[in-house]
Amino acid sequence: LCCPELRGVFSGLGFEPQSLDHLARIYLVTLQALALSTRMIVARLRDHGVNVSRLVVCGGLGHSELFLQTLSDVLQLTVVQPAEQEAVLRGGCILAAVACSMVPDLQAGMKAFATEPATA
């Protein structure tokens, strides 16, 4: 979906104390870069006929209101979080259950480990 050869770097960062303003700008630019990269992925999906109407975000940055709002603004999509606070962990458990033959396939695993639906 994206070019795996592309890389980003922050050059010149050292261990010397940085101003809080400087660190906040680096954080904001990083969030914006992630949102813009996600926009490229969504555009590529749409180019291939996938209807993307909302984005479900989980994991560490999914707890950042600033990141969620940045994603929503950049993508012009509704961004939602799963009701499950540990969705990534639950997904790992589902994959493990399938791998250990505790459930026959991913669909059965998702049903067995289901919680409430995603919320806005």
Protein backbone atom coordinates (compact mmCIF):
# COMPACT_ATOMS: atom_id res chain seq x y z
CA LEU A 1 0.00 0.00 0.00
CA CYS A 2 2.92 2.35 0.66
CA CYS A 3 6.55 2.35 -0.39
CA PRO A 4 8.44 0.27 2.22
CA GLU A 5 11.74 1.88 1.18
CA LEU A 6 10.69 5.31 2.43
CA ARG A 7 12.13 6.32 5.77
CA GLY A 8 11.85 9.31 8.06
CA VAL A 9 14.35 10.67 10.49
CA PHE A 10 14.76 13.37 13.08
CA SER A 11 18.29 14.64 12.66
CA GLY A 12 20.28 16.42 15.32
CA LEU A 13 18.46 15.16 18.39
CA GLY A 14 20.78 14.72 21.31
CA PHE A 15 20.65 14.13 25.04
CA GLU A 16 20.94 17.79 25.92
CA PRO A 17 17.84 19.33 27.46
CA GLN A 18 15.28 20.50 24.90
CA SER A 19 12.68 23.15 25.53
CA LEU A 20 9.18 21.87 26.17
CA ASP A 21 8.05 23.92 23.16
CA HIS A 22 10.56 22.16 20.92
CA LEU A 23 9.53 18.69 22.11
CA ALA A 24 5.84 19.57 21.70
CA ARG A 25 6.47 20.62 18.09
CA ILE A 26 8.29 17.35 17.36
CA TYR A 27 5.35 15.43 18.86
CA LEU A 28 2.79 17.39 16.81
CA VAL A 29 4.75 16.99 13.57
CA THR A 30 5.02 13.24 14.22
CA LEU A 31 1.24 12.95 14.71
CA GLN A 32 0.64 14.94 11.54
CA ALA A 33 3.08 12.76 9.57
CA LEU A 34 1.29 9.61 10.75
CA ALA A 35 -2.08 11.08 9.79
CA LEU A 36 -0.82 12.12 6.35
CA SER A 37 0.70 8.66 5.80
CA THR A 38 -2.63 7.12 6.76
CA ARG A 39 -4.32 9.39 4.22
CA MET A 40 -2.03 7.94 1.52
CA ILE A 41 -3.03 4.40 2.53
CA VAL A 42 -6.74 5.27 2.51
CA ALA A 43 -6.35 6.88 -0.93
CA ARG A 44 -4.67 3.74 -2.27
CA LEU A 45 -7.44 1.54 -0.82
CA ARG A 46 -10.05 3.75 -2.49
CA ASP A 47 -8.11 3.57 -5.78
CA HIS A 48 -8.63 -0.20 -5.58
CA GLY A 49 -12.37 0.06 -4.96
CA VAL A 50 -12.44 -0.23 -1.17
CA ASN A 51 -15.14 1.92 0.41
CA VAL A 52 -13.57 3.52 3.48
CA SER A 53 -16.24 5.33 5.49
CA ARG A 54 -14.70 5.35 8.96
CA LEU A 55 -11.48 4.44 10.69
CA VAL A 56 -11.22 2.32 13.83
CA VAL A 57 -8.08 3.13 15.83
CA CYS A 58 -6.63 1.02 18.63
CA GLY A 59 -3.30 0.80 20.40
CA GLY A 60 -1.31 3.42 22.25
CA LEU A 61 -1.98 6.44 20.03
CA GLY A 62 -5.66 5.52 19.98
CA HIS A 63 -5.80 7.03 23.47
CA SER A 64 -4.58 10.43 22.25
CA GLU A 65 -7.46 12.83 21.60
CA LEU A 66 -5.06 15.05 19.64
CA PHE A 67 -4.09 12.17 17.34
CA LEU A 68 -7.70 11.07 16.85
CA GLN A 69 -8.77 14.62 15.98
CA THR A 70 -5.78 15.06 13.65
CA LEU A 71 -6.68 11.81 11.85
CA SER A 72 -10.30 12.86 11.54
CA ASP A 73 -9.35 16.29 10.18
CA VAL A 74 -6.80 14.96 7.67
CA LEU A 75 -8.92 12.02 6.46
CA GLN A 76 -12.28 13.78 6.64
CA LEU A 77 -13.61 10.57 8.18
CA THR A 78 -15.22 9.53 11.41
CA VAL A 79 -12.56 8.04 13.67
CA VAL A 80 -13.76 5.63 16.36
CA GLN A 81 -12.21 3.61 19.14
CA PRO A 82 -13.24 0.07 20.05
CA ALA A 83 -15.11 -0.29 23.33
CA GLU A 84 -12.39 -2.78 24.29
CA GLN A 85 -9.49 -0.86 25.85
CA GLU A 86 -7.07 -3.68 25.00
CA ALA A 87 -8.18 -4.41 21.43
CA VAL A 88 -4.65 -5.23 20.25
CA LEU A 89 -4.21 -7.72 23.09
CA ARG A 90 -7.62 -9.26 22.39
CA GLY A 91 -6.69 -9.61 18.71
CA GLY A 92 -3.50 -11.41 19.70
CA CYS A 93 -5.53 -13.77 21.86
CA ILE A 94 -7.86 -14.50 18.95
CA LEU A 95 -4.92 -15.29 16.67
CA ALA A 96 -3.38 -17.52 19.35
CA ALA A 97 -6.69 -19.36 19.82
CA VAL A 98 -6.82 -20.08 16.09
CA ALA A 99 -3.16 -21.16 16.02
CA CYS A 100 -3.74 -23.55 18.95
CA SER A 101 -6.92 -24.92 17.33
CA MET A 102 -9.05 -23.72 20.26
CA VAL A 103 -11.35 -22.27 17.58
CA PRO A 104 -11.53 -23.37 13.93
CA ASP A 105 -10.93 -19.99 12.25
CA LEU A 106 -10.73 -16.22 12.74
CA GLN A 107 -14.49 -15.73 12.40
CA ALA A 108 -15.15 -18.22 15.20
CA GLY A 109 -12.39 -16.62 17.29
CA MET A 110 -13.86 -13.15 16.88
CA LYS A 111 -17.27 -14.47 17.88
CA ALA A 112 -15.85 -16.32 20.90
CA PHE A 113 -13.92 -13.26 22.15
CA ALA A 114 -16.47 -10.58 21.17
CA THR A 115 -17.33 -7.61 23.36
CA GLU A 116 -19.47 -4.55 22.71
CA PRO A 117 -19.32 -2.94 19.24
CA ALA A 118 -17.09 0.04 18.47
CA THR A 119 -18.29 3.41 19.73
CA ALA A 120 -17.96 6.90 18.29
